[in-house]
Amino acid sequence: MKLTDLFHRADTITPDDAGKMISDKGDEIMLVDVREPNEYEKEHMPGAVLMPMSVFPERMKELDPSKKIVTY
């Protein structure tokens, strides 16, 4: 499986849109923070999984293909 197999082109959403999506269908969404650990520690969205871009290819098997994946 390639990284591109997991993603489909999506429109950019606002933080407010993401918050509404999570509150409405949080159990159907996997929220992934792709920033570095020091940025995540300063602030992150509740429930977000830290998966920095620097290690994303090695960790992409942790993504749940049954859920809509929202990255930031």
C-alpha atoms as a PDB file:
ATOM      1  CA  MET A   1       0.000   0.000   0.000  1.00  0.00           C
ATOM      2  CA  LYS A   2       1.243   3.437  -0.905  1.00  0.00           C
ATOM      3  CA  LEU A   3       0.612   6.605   1.048  1.00  0.00           C
ATOM      4  CA  THR A   4      -1.404   8.014  -1.842  1.00  0.00           C
ATOM      5  CA  ASP A   5      -3.784   5.032  -1.675  1.00  0.00           C
ATOM      6  CA  LEU A   6      -5.108   6.290   1.667  1.00  0.00           C
ATOM      7  CA  PHE A   7      -5.959   9.810   0.605  1.00  0.00           C
ATOM      8  CA  HIS A   8      -8.353  11.398  -1.793  1.00  0.00           C
ATOM      9  CA  ARG A   9      -8.317  15.002  -2.866  1.00  0.00           C
ATOM     10  CA  ALA A  10     -10.389  16.962  -0.393  1.00  0.00           C
ATOM     11  CA  ASP A  11     -11.427  20.528   0.025  1.00  0.00           C
ATOM     12  CA  THR A  12      -9.732  22.549   2.721  1.00  0.00           C
ATOM     13  CA  ILE A  13     -11.951  23.015   5.734  1.00  0.00           C
ATOM     14  CA  THR A  14     -11.862  25.693   8.385  1.00  0.00           C
ATOM     15  CA  PRO A  15     -11.146  24.944  12.046  1.00  0.00           C
ATOM     16  CA  ASP A  16     -14.808  25.690  12.771  1.00  0.00           C
ATOM     17  CA  ASP A  17     -15.902  23.184  10.110  1.00  0.00           C
ATOM     18  CA  ALA A  18     -13.538  20.576  11.559  1.00  0.00           C
ATOM     19  CA  GLY A  19     -14.881  21.193  15.059  1.00  0.00           C
ATOM     20  CA  LYS A  20     -18.463  20.774  13.878  1.00  0.00           C
ATOM     21  CA  MET A  21     -17.564  17.598  11.972  1.00  0.00           C
ATOM     22  CA  ILE A  22     -15.886  16.154  15.052  1.00  0.00           C
ATOM     23  CA  SER A  23     -18.751  17.057  17.372  1.00  0.00           C
ATOM     24  CA  ASP A  24     -21.319  15.611  14.955  1.00  0.00           C
ATOM     25  CA  LYS A  25     -19.475  12.455  13.885  1.00  0.00           C
ATOM     26  CA  GLY A  26     -16.445  12.168  16.151  1.00  0.00           C
ATOM     27  CA  ASP A  27     -16.560   8.369  16.305  1.00  0.00           C
ATOM     28  CA  GLU A  28     -16.345   8.216  12.486  1.00  0.00           C
ATOM     29  CA  ILE A  29     -13.273  10.460  12.283  1.00  0.00           C
ATOM     30  CA  MET A  30      -9.588   9.915  12.997  1.00  0.00           C
ATOM     31  CA  LEU A  31      -7.953  13.244  13.796  1.00  0.00           C
ATOM     32  CA  VAL A  32      -4.228  13.270  12.981  1.00  0.00           C
ATOM     33  CA  ASP A  33      -1.842  16.049  13.975  1.00  0.00           C
ATOM     34  CA  VAL A  34       1.082  15.972  11.523  1.00  0.00           C
ATOM     35  CA  ARG A  35       3.136  18.656  13.237  1.00  0.00           C
ATOM     36  CA  GLU A  36       6.252  18.025  15.276  1.00  0.00           C
ATOM     37  CA  PRO A  37       6.060  16.987  18.965  1.00  0.00           C
ATOM     38  CA  ASN A  38       6.978  20.421  20.350  1.00  0.00           C
ATOM     39  CA  GLU A  39       4.077  21.987  18.408  1.00  0.00           C
ATOM     40  CA  TYR A  40       1.687  19.239  19.542  1.00  0.00           C
ATOM     41  CA  GLU A  41       2.715  19.731  23.183  1.00  0.00           C
ATOM     42  CA  LYS A  42       1.949  23.463  23.021  1.00  0.00           C
ATOM     43  CA  GLU A  43      -1.584  22.876  21.750  1.00  0.00           C
ATOM     44  CA  HIS A  44      -3.565  20.252  19.891  1.00  0.00           C
ATOM     45  CA  MET A  45      -7.155  19.298  19.271  1.00  0.00           C
ATOM     46  CA  PRO A  46      -8.622  16.891  21.835  1.00  0.00           C
ATOM     47  CA  GLY A  47      -8.443  13.304  20.642  1.00  0.00           C
ATOM     48  CA  ALA A  48      -5.807  14.021  18.006  1.00  0.00           C
ATOM     49  CA  VAL A  49      -3.155  11.409  17.331  1.00  0.00           C
ATOM     50  CA  LEU A  50       0.367  12.780  16.886  1.00  0.00           C
ATOM     51  CA  MET A  51       1.887  11.464  13.670  1.00  0.00           C
ATOM     52  CA  PRO A  52       4.553  13.949  12.490  1.00  0.00           C
ATOM     53  CA  MET A  53       5.183  14.202   8.762  1.00  0.00           C
ATOM     54  CA  SER A  54       8.795  13.243   9.447  1.00  0.00           C
ATOM     55  CA  VAL A  55       7.639   9.713  10.421  1.00  0.00           C
ATOM     56  CA  PHE A  56       4.280   9.595   8.670  1.00  0.00           C
ATOM     57  CA  PRO A  57       5.241   7.076   5.957  1.00  0.00           C
ATOM     58  CA  GLU A  58       6.460   4.589   8.582  1.00  0.00           C
ATOM     59  CA  ARG A  59       3.326   5.035  10.724  1.00  0.00           C
ATOM     60  CA  MET A  60       0.616   5.216   8.067  1.00  0.00           C
ATOM     61  CA  LYS A  61      -0.370   1.612   8.822  1.00  0.00           C
ATOM     62  CA  GLU A  62      -1.830   3.029  12.066  1.00  0.00           C
ATOM     63  CA  LEU A  63      -4.471   4.972  10.118  1.00  0.00           C
ATOM     64  CA  ASP A  64      -7.945   3.500  10.348  1.00  0.00           C
ATOM     65  CA  PRO A  65      -9.232   3.124   6.769  1.00  0.00           C
ATOM     66  CA  SER A  66     -12.790   2.728   8.049  1.00  0.00           C
ATOM     67  CA  LYS A  67     -12.769   6.319   9.322  1.00  0.00           C
ATOM     68  CA  LYS A  68     -12.593   9.698   7.624  1.00  0.00           C
ATOM     69  CA  ILE A  69      -9.078  10.962   8.293  1.00  0.00           C
ATOM     70  CA  VAL A  70      -8.699  14.635   9.113  1.00  0.00           C
ATOM     71  CA  THR A  71      -5.128  15.925   9.232  1.00  0.00           C
ATOM     72  CA  TYR A  72      -3.764  19.241  10.370  1.00  0.00           C
END
